[in-house]
Amino acid sequence: IVMNTPGGNVITTAEHAIGMMMALSRNVPEGTASLKAGRWDKKKLQGREIYNKVLGVIGYGKIGSIVADLARGLKMKVIVYDPYVTLEQIEKAGFESVSLEELYRRSDYITVHVPKFKETIGLLNKDAFEQMKDGVMIVNCARGGIVDEDALHAALKSGKVAGAALDVFEKEPPGICPLIEHERLICTPHLGASTQEAQTKVAVDVAGQIIEYLKYGTIMNAVNVPSVTGDLLKKLKPLLTLADHIGSLQAQLIRGPIENVSIEYAGDFKELDLSPVTTAVLRGLLAPVVKDDVNFVNAQILAKDRGIKIKEIISDTAEEYINLITVRVSTPKVTNTVSGTLFGKDKMRIVKINNFRLELIPEGHLALIYTLDKPGAIGSFSSLLGSKKISIDQMHLGREETGKMNIIYLKTNVRISDAVVDQLLELPLIISVTRLEFET
């Protein structure tokens, strides 16, 4: 069991980002070094005000939202980009939601508060810097690698970026390199969460949680196990895994900011506390977006912070299944429905995606392929995969009730590469290809 303390360091990290921005604007590190060297470089170290400047906040999660609020208190104009948070949620807090391109174009300062995953690695790259204002200042107290360090160094040398403040790096420790040595870079050794208050709070909270577990078997704030008693955990464990995988599947199928999540429990769920199962759905749903920042501790909190409305429905009947979990996820543009069940004690199956009935086992190298309901569709992609030495271990076809499209679930011996996906999409009867990954 791995326990943590949710939110123990969000304030201290947000404060560090603001502090780095202030130090960068007023040349505090250079001024300190100058005085200690016996110089009085008052004219050389003239800074800039942050008052009335535009701060672009990339990522409106726990930390990003606090940074935005602190900056507003400093009379900055705050604009926000986060494709996974609804427009209404950002505007309700009094901030302006903009596209990433608009944020680049308008911001005097840009601060990054997103997790590190495939879509955010190198987010601030050469192309991004070219879209920004001349003289922009960059702050990264989130994760190393989100800012392309080579591109940042080039932008600092050209003067496009007037200064940068980094607390995190692609490689830690970064060692001596041209970026670290640049006079317009200020940096700290990953100190975002390193304050006496944060460390004390974490230690006290964890000690209390360990006492609860050792005395009563109660699990609180565990990263890998929901907060439930030991007896209930034994009953719920297969359902928790199924729920997590349903949420993960939804996250991989749907795009855009999530507004509503409806979770229907149909069948034999009598006398069970289903709140941990709901948490598992939300953890799976948010994990591809916020990565390591979501767990069984904070999934419901993160969902509500993002303006997601959560609804639970409990029904006694589940048609042809003993139990059925159905999760409906809505964005401003689309609603997607996924249903799953357990066969026996622990055999997970995804049995319905929207209007398609199928039997998907959420494990291994998987892909969902939508095709037109015409002869030759299966043969065309099977031949292509075979030519690439990709074996189909399992295949299941679901037909849309209207008869216009098919959904085909594949399990392959290896992961289908990006290049092969592109070739599949060129086939005339293929509508879409989605590769699926599930945590084991």
Protein backbone atom coordinates (compact mmCIF):
# COMPACT_ATOMS: atom_id res chain seq x y z
CA ILE A 1 0.00 0.00 0.00
CA VAL A 2 1.39 3.37 -1.05
CA MET A 3 -0.08 6.37 0.77
CA ASN A 4 0.26 10.07 0.11
CA THR A 5 -1.21 13.35 1.32
CA PRO A 6 -3.33 15.04 -1.33
CA GLY A 7 -2.77 18.74 -1.78
CA GLY A 8 0.09 18.90 0.70
CA ASN A 9 2.34 20.87 -1.62
CA VAL A 10 0.08 22.67 -4.09
CA ILE A 11 0.20 26.05 -2.35
CA THR A 12 3.95 25.99 -1.85
CA THR A 13 4.52 25.08 -5.52
CA ALA A 14 2.21 27.85 -6.70
CA GLU A 15 4.00 30.35 -4.47
CA HIS A 16 7.34 29.25 -5.89
CA ALA A 17 6.15 29.91 -9.44
CA ILE A 18 5.05 33.43 -8.48
CA GLY A 19 8.30 33.99 -6.59
CA MET A 20 10.36 32.89 -9.59
CA MET A 21 8.42 35.25 -11.84
CA MET A 22 9.04 38.15 -9.47
CA ALA A 23 12.74 37.35 -9.10
CA LEU A 24 13.09 37.11 -12.87
CA SER A 25 11.32 40.43 -13.44
CA ARG A 26 13.44 42.35 -10.92
CA ASN A 27 16.79 40.62 -11.54
CA VAL A 28 17.06 39.47 -7.92
CA PRO A 29 19.67 36.71 -8.46
CA GLU A 30 21.87 38.96 -10.61
CA GLY A 31 21.55 41.80 -8.11
CA THR A 32 22.59 39.56 -5.24
CA ALA A 33 25.60 38.21 -7.15
CA SER A 34 26.59 41.72 -8.22
CA LEU A 35 26.58 43.12 -4.69
CA LYS A 36 28.49 40.14 -3.31
CA ALA A 37 31.11 40.73 -6.00
CA GLY A 38 31.50 44.31 -4.83
CA ARG A 39 29.61 45.97 -7.70
CA TRP A 40 26.69 48.41 -7.72
CA ASP A 41 24.97 47.62 -11.06
CA LYS A 42 21.81 49.64 -10.47
CA LYS A 43 21.34 50.84 -14.06
CA LYS A 44 22.33 47.55 -15.65
CA LEU A 45 19.81 45.58 -13.60
CA GLN A 46 16.73 47.68 -14.27
CA GLY A 47 13.70 45.37 -14.13
CA ARG A 48 10.08 45.45 -15.20
CA GLU A 49 6.74 45.69 -13.38
CA ILE A 50 4.29 42.83 -13.47
CA TYR A 51 1.38 45.19 -12.76
CA ASN A 52 -1.18 45.09 -15.60
CA LYS A 53 0.91 42.56 -17.54
CA VAL A 54 -0.73 39.55 -19.20
CA LEU A 55 0.04 36.21 -17.54
CA GLY A 56 -0.72 33.11 -19.61
CA VAL A 57 -1.39 30.08 -17.41
CA ILE A 58 -1.08 26.74 -19.22
CA GLY A 59 -2.95 24.16 -17.15
CA TYR A 60 -5.80 25.07 -14.79
CA GLY A 61 -5.51 22.27 -12.26
CA LYS A 62 -4.82 22.50 -8.53
CA ILE A 63 -1.59 24.47 -8.86
CA GLY A 64 -2.42 26.43 -12.00
CA SER A 65 -5.66 27.72 -10.50
CA ILE A 66 -3.84 28.96 -7.37
CA VAL A 67 -1.18 30.67 -9.50
CA ALA A 68 -3.93 32.39 -11.50
CA ASP A 69 -5.61 33.59 -8.31
CA LEU A 70 -2.34 34.87 -6.81
CA ALA A 71 -1.49 36.70 -10.04
CA ARG A 72 -4.91 38.35 -10.05
CA GLY A 73 -4.11 39.65 -6.57
CA LEU A 74 -0.99 41.22 -8.06
CA LYS A 75 -3.23 43.03 -10.59
CA MET A 76 -2.06 40.97 -13.54
CA LYS A 77 -4.40 40.16 -16.43
CA VAL A 78 -4.71 36.38 -16.40
CA ILE A 79 -5.60 34.24 -19.42
CA VAL A 80 -5.87 30.45 -19.20
CA TYR A 81 -5.45 27.52 -21.56
CA ASP A 82 -6.60 24.06 -20.52
CA PRO A 83 -8.43 21.88 -23.08
CA TYR A 84 -9.66 19.53 -20.34
CA VAL A 85 -11.41 22.18 -18.24
CA THR A 86 -14.70 23.65 -19.38
CA LEU A 87 -15.03 27.25 -20.50
CA GLU A 88 -17.69 27.77 -17.84
CA GLN A 89 -15.39 26.59 -15.04
CA ILE A 90 -12.62 29.00 -16.01
CA GLU A 91 -14.97 31.94 -16.58
CA LYS A 92 -16.80 31.22 -13.32
CA ALA A 93 -13.48 31.83 -11.53
CA GLY A 94 -13.20 35.16 -13.30
CA PHE A 95 -10.54 34.29 -15.87
CA GLU A 96 -10.51 34.30 -19.66
CA SER A 97 -10.23 30.95 -21.45
CA VAL A 98 -8.21 31.13 -24.67
CA SER A 99 -6.63 28.85 -27.24
CA LEU A 100 -2.97 27.95 -26.90
CA GLU A 101 -2.13 30.04 -29.96
CA GLU A 102 -3.88 33.09 -28.51
CA LEU A 103 -2.12 32.60 -25.18
CA TYR A 104 1.25 32.56 -26.94
CA ARG A 105 0.37 35.68 -28.91
CA ARG A 106 -0.92 37.80 -25.99
CA SER A 107 1.13 36.81 -22.94
CA ASP A 108 3.90 38.89 -21.38
CA TYR A 109 4.62 35.98 -19.03
CA ILE A 110 3.84 32.28 -19.52
CA THR A 111 3.78 29.78 -16.65
CA VAL A 112 3.35 26.04 -17.15
CA HIS A 113 1.28 23.84 -14.82
CA VAL A 114 0.50 20.64 -16.74
CA PRO A 115 1.57 17.03 -16.13
CA LYS A 116 4.20 15.45 -18.31
CA PHE A 117 2.85 12.99 -20.87
CA LYS A 118 3.03 12.40 -24.62
CA GLU A 119 1.01 15.48 -25.59
CA THR A 120 2.91 17.89 -23.32
CA ILE A 121 6.52 16.80 -23.85
CA GLY A 122 8.18 19.66 -25.72
CA LEU A 123 4.99 21.72 -25.55
CA LEU A 124 7.00 24.94 -25.47
CA ASN A 125 9.20 24.28 -28.49
CA LYS A 126 10.72 26.27 -31.36
CA ASP A 127 7.35 26.74 -33.09
CA ALA A 128 5.73 27.86 -29.83
CA PHE A 129 8.42 30.44 -29.10
CA GLU A 130 8.08 31.85 -32.62
CA GLN A 131 4.39 32.55 -31.93
CA MET A 132 5.10 34.46 -28.71
CA LYS A 133 5.59 38.16 -28.10
CA ASP A 134 9.11 39.52 -28.31
CA GLY A 135 10.42 39.81 -24.75
CA VAL A 136 8.14 37.17 -23.22
CA MET A 137 9.24 35.57 -19.94
CA ILE A 138 8.84 31.84 -19.23
CA VAL A 139 8.32 30.05 -15.89
CA ASN A 140 8.29 26.27 -15.47
CA CYS A 141 7.78 24.81 -12.00
CA ALA A 142 5.80 21.80 -13.27
CA ARG A 143 7.78 19.00 -14.95
CA GLY A 144 11.07 18.89 -16.79
CA GLY A 145 10.72 18.26 -20.52
CA ILE A 146 7.56 20.30 -21.04
CA VAL A 147 9.81 23.16 -22.12
CA ASP A 148 12.21 22.14 -24.91
CA GLU A 149 15.50 23.24 -23.35
CA ASP A 150 17.41 23.56 -26.64
CA ALA A 151 14.63 25.68 -28.12
CA LEU A 152 14.50 27.82 -24.97
CA HIS A 153 18.26 28.39 -25.09
CA ALA A 154 18.02 29.50 -28.72
CA ALA A 155 15.11 31.83 -27.89
CA LEU A 156 17.09 33.35 -25.00
CA LYS A 157 20.14 33.90 -27.22
CA SER A 158 18.04 35.59 -29.92
CA GLY A 159 16.26 37.80 -27.39
CA LYS A 160 12.84 36.45 -28.34
CA VAL A 161 12.53 35.27 -24.73
CA ALA A 162 13.71 38.00 -22.35
CA GLY A 163 14.16 35.64 -19.44
CA ALA A 164 13.24 32.24 -18.08
CA ALA A 165 12.85 30.71 -14.63
CA LEU A 166 13.14 26.94 -14.29
CA ASP A 167 12.68 24.77 -11.22
CA VAL A 168 12.58 21.50 -13.20
CA PHE A 169 14.71 20.06 -16.00
CA GLU A 170 14.73 17.33 -18.63
CA LYS A 171 17.55 15.65 -16.70
CA GLU A 172 17.94 16.20 -12.97
CA PRO A 173 20.42 17.33 -11.90
CA PRO A 174 21.05 19.02 -15.25
CA GLY A 175 24.78 19.61 -14.77
CA ILE A 176 26.56 22.54 -16.37
CA CYS A 177 25.22 23.28 -19.84
CA PRO A 178 24.78 26.35 -22.09
CA LEU A 179 21.19 26.87 -20.92
CA ILE A 180 22.11 26.84 -17.22
CA GLU A 181 24.98 29.24 -17.89
CA HIS A 182 22.85 31.75 -19.81
CA GLU A 183 22.67 35.07 -17.96
CA ARG A 184 18.91 35.43 -18.52
CA LEU A 185 18.03 32.10 -16.95
CA ILE A 186 17.37 31.83 -13.22
CA CYS A 187 16.96 28.36 -11.76
CA THR A 188 16.42 26.34 -8.59
CA PRO A 189 17.02 22.61 -7.90
CA HIS A 190 13.40 21.40 -7.95
CA LEU A 191 12.35 23.34 -4.85
CA GLY A 192 8.68 23.77 -5.76
CA ALA A 193 7.38 21.55 -2.96
CA SER A 194 10.29 22.13 -0.60
CA THR A 195 9.08 24.27 2.31
CA GLN A 196 9.08 23.55 6.02
CA GLU A 197 5.30 23.91 6.19
CA ALA A 198 4.63 21.51 3.33
CA GLN A 199 7.03 18.85 4.63
CA THR A 200 5.61 19.09 8.17
CA LYS A 201 2.04 18.79 6.91
CA VAL A 202 2.91 15.77 4.80
CA ALA A 203 4.71 14.02 7.69
CA VAL A 204 1.89 14.60 10.19
CA ASP A 205 -0.81 13.48 7.76
CA VAL A 206 1.03 10.31 6.71
CA ALA A 207 1.72 9.35 10.34
CA GLY A 208 -1.98 9.63 11.13
CA GLN A 209 -2.90 7.50 8.13
CA ILE A 210 -0.43 4.76 9.09
CA ILE A 211 -1.88 4.65 12.61
CA GLU A 212 -5.40 4.25 11.17
CA TYR A 213 -4.25 1.37 8.97
CA LEU A 214 -2.27 -0.48 11.66
CA LYS A 215 -4.98 -0.12 14.34
CA TYR A 216 -8.16 -0.51 12.32
CA GLY A 217 -7.16 -1.73 8.83
CA THR A 218 -8.60 1.45 7.33
CA ILE A 219 -6.82 2.64 4.18
CA MET A 220 -6.78 6.40 3.70
CA ASN A 221 -5.30 8.44 0.86
CA ALA A 222 -3.64 5.49 -0.85
CA VAL A 223 -2.29 5.99 -4.35
CA ASN A 224 -2.91 2.41 -5.44
CA VAL A 225 -5.89 1.42 -3.24
CA PRO A 226 -9.09 3.39 -2.55
CA SER A 227 -9.84 4.60 0.97
CA VAL A 228 -11.96 1.73 2.34
CA THR A 229 -11.94 -0.78 5.16
CA GLY A 230 -10.18 -4.10 4.63
CA ASP A 231 -13.39 -6.17 4.39
CA LEU A 232 -15.00 -3.86 1.85
CA LEU A 233 -11.84 -3.79 -0.26
CA LYS A 234 -11.96 -7.58 -0.73
CA LYS A 235 -15.53 -7.35 -2.02
CA LEU A 236 -14.92 -4.39 -4.30
CA LYS A 237 -11.49 -5.12 -5.79
CA PRO A 238 -12.67 -6.68 -9.11
CA LEU A 239 -15.26 -3.91 -9.53
CA LEU A 240 -12.64 -1.25 -8.84
CA THR A 241 -10.39 -2.57 -11.59
CA LEU A 242 -13.31 -2.79 -14.03
CA ALA A 243 -14.44 0.74 -13.16
CA ASP A 244 -10.92 2.12 -13.59
CA HIS A 245 -10.63 0.48 -17.02
CA ILE A 246 -14.04 1.82 -18.12
CA GLY A 247 -12.92 5.31 -17.15
CA SER A 248 -9.62 4.84 -18.96
CA LEU A 249 -11.40 3.64 -22.11
CA GLN A 250 -13.65 6.70 -22.05
CA ALA A 251 -10.62 8.96 -21.74
CA GLN A 252 -9.03 7.34 -24.78
CA LEU A 253 -12.17 7.59 -26.90
CA ILE A 254 -13.43 11.08 -26.10
CA ARG A 255 -11.86 14.49 -26.78
CA GLY A 256 -12.50 17.92 -25.31
CA PRO A 257 -13.34 19.29 -21.87
CA ILE A 258 -15.57 16.93 -19.91
CA GLU A 259 -18.75 18.52 -18.54
CA ASN A 260 -20.77 15.60 -17.15
CA VAL A 261 -20.11 12.05 -15.99
CA SER A 262 -23.04 9.75 -15.28
CA ILE A 263 -22.31 6.37 -13.67
CA GLU A 264 -25.12 3.81 -13.61
CA TYR A 265 -24.84 0.73 -11.42
CA ALA A 266 -27.37 -1.86 -12.57
CA GLY A 267 -27.90 -5.27 -11.00
CA ASP A 268 -26.58 -6.94 -7.87
CA PHE A 269 -25.00 -4.03 -5.98
CA LYS A 270 -27.13 -4.25 -2.85
CA GLU A 271 -25.62 -3.04 0.42
CA LEU A 272 -22.33 -2.07 -1.24
CA ASP A 273 -20.74 1.33 -0.70
CA LEU A 274 -20.15 2.28 -4.34
CA SER A 275 -18.35 5.57 -3.73
CA PRO A 276 -14.90 3.91 -4.13
CA VAL A 277 -16.07 2.47 -7.47
CA THR A 278 -17.11 5.94 -8.63
CA THR A 279 -13.68 7.19 -7.57
CA ALA A 280 -12.07 4.41 -9.63
CA VAL A 281 -14.05 5.47 -12.72
CA LEU A 282 -12.88 9.06 -12.29
CA ARG A 283 -9.28 8.02 -11.68
CA GLY A 284 -9.24 6.08 -14.94
CA LEU A 285 -10.96 8.93 -16.76
CA LEU A 286 -8.53 11.61 -15.58
CA ALA A 287 -5.29 9.60 -15.61
CA PRO A 288 -4.44 10.16 -19.31
CA VAL A 289 -4.90 13.90 -18.77
CA VAL A 290 -3.17 14.56 -15.44
CA LYS A 291 -1.04 11.40 -15.26
CA ASP A 292 0.69 10.95 -11.89
CA ASP A 293 -1.28 13.81 -10.34
CA VAL A 294 -4.47 11.72 -10.06
CA ASN A 295 -5.00 8.73 -7.79
CA PHE A 296 -7.62 7.12 -5.57
CA VAL A 297 -7.10 9.94 -3.08
CA ASN A 298 -7.96 12.95 -5.15
CA ALA A 299 -9.85 11.77 -8.25
CA GLN A 300 -13.24 13.11 -7.13
CA ILE A 301 -11.68 16.37 -5.93
CA LEU A 302 -9.84 16.88 -9.24
CA ALA A 303 -13.00 16.13 -11.21
CA LYS A 304 -15.04 18.69 -9.27
CA ASP A 305 -12.21 21.23 -9.50
CA ARG A 306 -12.42 20.86 -13.28
CA GLY A 307 -16.13 21.63 -13.22
CA ILE A 308 -17.20 18.06 -13.99
CA LYS A 309 -20.72 17.25 -12.77
CA ILE A 310 -20.91 13.70 -11.40
CA LYS A 311 -24.15 11.71 -11.17
CA GLU A 312 -24.68 8.21 -9.77
CA ILE A 313 -27.68 6.04 -10.69
CA ILE A 314 -28.42 2.73 -8.98
CA SER A 315 -30.82 0.21 -10.51
CA ASP A 316 -31.84 -3.30 -9.44
CA THR A 317 -31.92 -4.80 -12.94
CA ALA A 318 -29.17 -5.14 -15.54
CA GLU A 319 -31.01 -6.83 -18.43
CA GLU A 320 -28.98 -9.94 -19.39
CA TYR A 321 -26.13 -9.31 -16.92
CA ILE A 322 -25.82 -9.95 -13.18
CA ASN A 323 -24.18 -6.56 -12.84
CA LEU A 324 -23.43 -3.76 -15.27
CA ILE A 325 -21.55 -0.47 -14.91
CA THR A 326 -22.44 2.12 -17.55
CA VAL A 327 -20.47 5.35 -17.77
CA ARG A 328 -21.71 8.26 -19.90
CA VAL A 329 -19.27 11.10 -20.50
CA SER A 330 -20.36 14.37 -22.10
CA THR A 331 -18.32 17.18 -23.64
CA PRO A 332 -19.77 20.30 -25.29
CA LYS A 333 -19.83 18.40 -28.60
CA VAL A 334 -20.46 14.71 -27.89
CA THR A 335 -21.72 12.11 -25.41
CA ASN A 336 -19.99 8.73 -25.24
CA THR A 337 -21.29 5.64 -23.42
CA VAL A 338 -19.31 2.58 -22.29
CA SER A 339 -20.70 -0.41 -20.38
CA GLY A 340 -18.76 -3.16 -18.63
CA THR A 341 -19.45 -6.19 -16.49
CA LEU A 342 -17.80 -9.02 -14.58
CA PHE A 343 -18.16 -12.62 -15.72
CA GLY A 344 -17.70 -14.89 -12.74
CA LYS A 345 -15.76 -13.28 -9.91
CA ASP A 346 -13.18 -11.23 -11.77
CA LYS A 347 -13.32 -11.64 -15.57
CA MET A 348 -13.69 -8.10 -16.93
CA ARG A 349 -15.53 -7.39 -20.16
CA ILE A 350 -16.48 -4.19 -21.97
CA VAL A 351 -19.81 -5.19 -23.50
CA LYS A 352 -21.10 -2.03 -25.15
CA ILE A 353 -19.69 1.16 -26.66
CA ASN A 354 -22.48 3.55 -27.62
CA ASN A 355 -24.78 1.55 -29.94
CA PHE A 356 -22.27 -1.23 -30.54
CA ARG A 357 -22.40 -4.51 -28.66
CA LEU A 358 -19.08 -6.34 -28.32
CA GLU A 359 -16.94 -8.27 -25.86
CA LEU A 360 -13.67 -6.46 -25.20
CA ILE A 361 -11.12 -7.75 -22.69
CA PRO A 362 -9.21 -4.67 -21.45
CA GLU A 363 -5.66 -6.00 -21.50
CA GLY A 364 -2.73 -6.31 -23.91
CA HIS A 365 -2.16 -4.46 -27.20
CA LEU A 366 -5.61 -3.35 -28.30
CA ALA A 367 -7.18 -1.28 -31.05
CA LEU A 368 -10.71 -0.21 -31.92
CA ILE A 369 -11.39 0.19 -35.62
CA TYR A 370 -14.55 1.79 -37.00
CA THR A 371 -15.39 0.68 -40.55
CA LEU A 372 -18.20 1.13 -43.03
CA ASP A 373 -20.52 -1.88 -42.96
CA LYS A 374 -19.48 -3.12 -46.39
CA PRO A 375 -17.79 -6.29 -47.68
CA GLY A 376 -14.00 -6.20 -47.70
CA ALA A 377 -13.44 -3.99 -44.66
CA ILE A 378 -12.07 -6.75 -42.42
CA GLY A 379 -10.01 -8.28 -45.21
CA SER A 380 -8.37 -4.98 -46.09
CA PHE A 381 -7.00 -4.19 -42.65
CA SER A 382 -6.18 -7.84 -41.88
CA SER A 383 -4.01 -8.03 -45.00
CA LEU A 384 -2.24 -4.80 -44.14
CA LEU A 385 -1.50 -5.90 -40.58
CA GLY A 386 -0.26 -9.26 -41.84
CA SER A 387 2.12 -7.57 -44.26
CA LYS A 388 3.61 -5.69 -41.29
CA LYS A 389 4.13 -8.93 -39.31
CA ILE A 390 1.37 -7.97 -36.87
CA SER A 391 -0.71 -10.96 -35.76
CA ILE A 392 -4.33 -10.63 -34.68
CA ASP A 393 -4.66 -12.66 -31.48
CA GLN A 394 -8.34 -11.81 -30.92
CA MET A 395 -11.00 -10.04 -32.93
CA HIS A 396 -14.58 -9.17 -32.10
CA LEU A 397 -17.04 -7.35 -34.32
CA GLY A 398 -19.90 -5.18 -33.14
CA ARG A 399 -22.47 -3.91 -35.61
CA GLU A 400 -24.27 -0.59 -35.19
CA GLU A 401 -28.00 -1.00 -34.75
CA THR A 402 -28.65 1.18 -37.83
CA GLY A 403 -26.35 -1.04 -39.89
CA LYS A 404 -24.16 1.76 -41.26
CA MET A 405 -20.94 1.08 -39.35
CA ASN A 406 -19.05 -1.70 -37.61
CA ILE A 407 -16.77 -1.47 -34.60
CA ILE A 408 -14.00 -4.03 -34.51
CA TYR A 409 -11.94 -4.80 -31.43
CA LEU A 410 -8.48 -6.23 -32.08
CA LYS A 411 -5.88 -7.70 -29.78
CA THR A 412 -2.50 -7.90 -31.52
CA ASN A 413 0.84 -9.48 -30.67
CA VAL A 414 2.58 -6.07 -30.73
CA ARG A 415 1.49 -2.45 -30.46
CA ILE A 416 0.39 -0.99 -33.79
CA SER A 417 2.83 1.78 -34.71
CA ASP A 418 1.94 5.34 -35.73
CA ALA A 419 3.04 4.59 -39.30
CA VAL A 420 0.75 1.55 -39.55
CA VAL A 421 -2.17 3.54 -38.10
CA ASP A 422 -1.66 6.11 -40.86
CA GLN A 423 -1.71 3.36 -43.49
CA LEU A 424 -4.86 1.84 -42.01
CA LEU A 425 -6.61 5.21 -42.22
CA GLU A 426 -5.79 5.38 -45.93
CA LEU A 427 -7.88 2.25 -46.59
CA PRO A 428 -11.21 3.25 -48.20
CA LEU A 429 -13.54 1.49 -45.73
CA ILE A 430 -11.73 2.51 -42.52
CA ILE A 431 -13.29 5.43 -40.60
CA SER A 432 -11.05 5.61 -37.53
CA VAL A 433 -8.39 3.69 -35.60
CA THR A 434 -7.85 4.11 -31.85
CA ARG A 435 -5.09 2.28 -30.01
CA LEU A 436 -5.93 1.44 -26.41
CA GLU A 437 -3.71 1.04 -23.38
CA PHE A 438 -4.71 -0.08 -19.89
CA GLU A 439 -2.68 -0.06 -16.70
CA THR A 440 -2.03 -3.52 -15.31
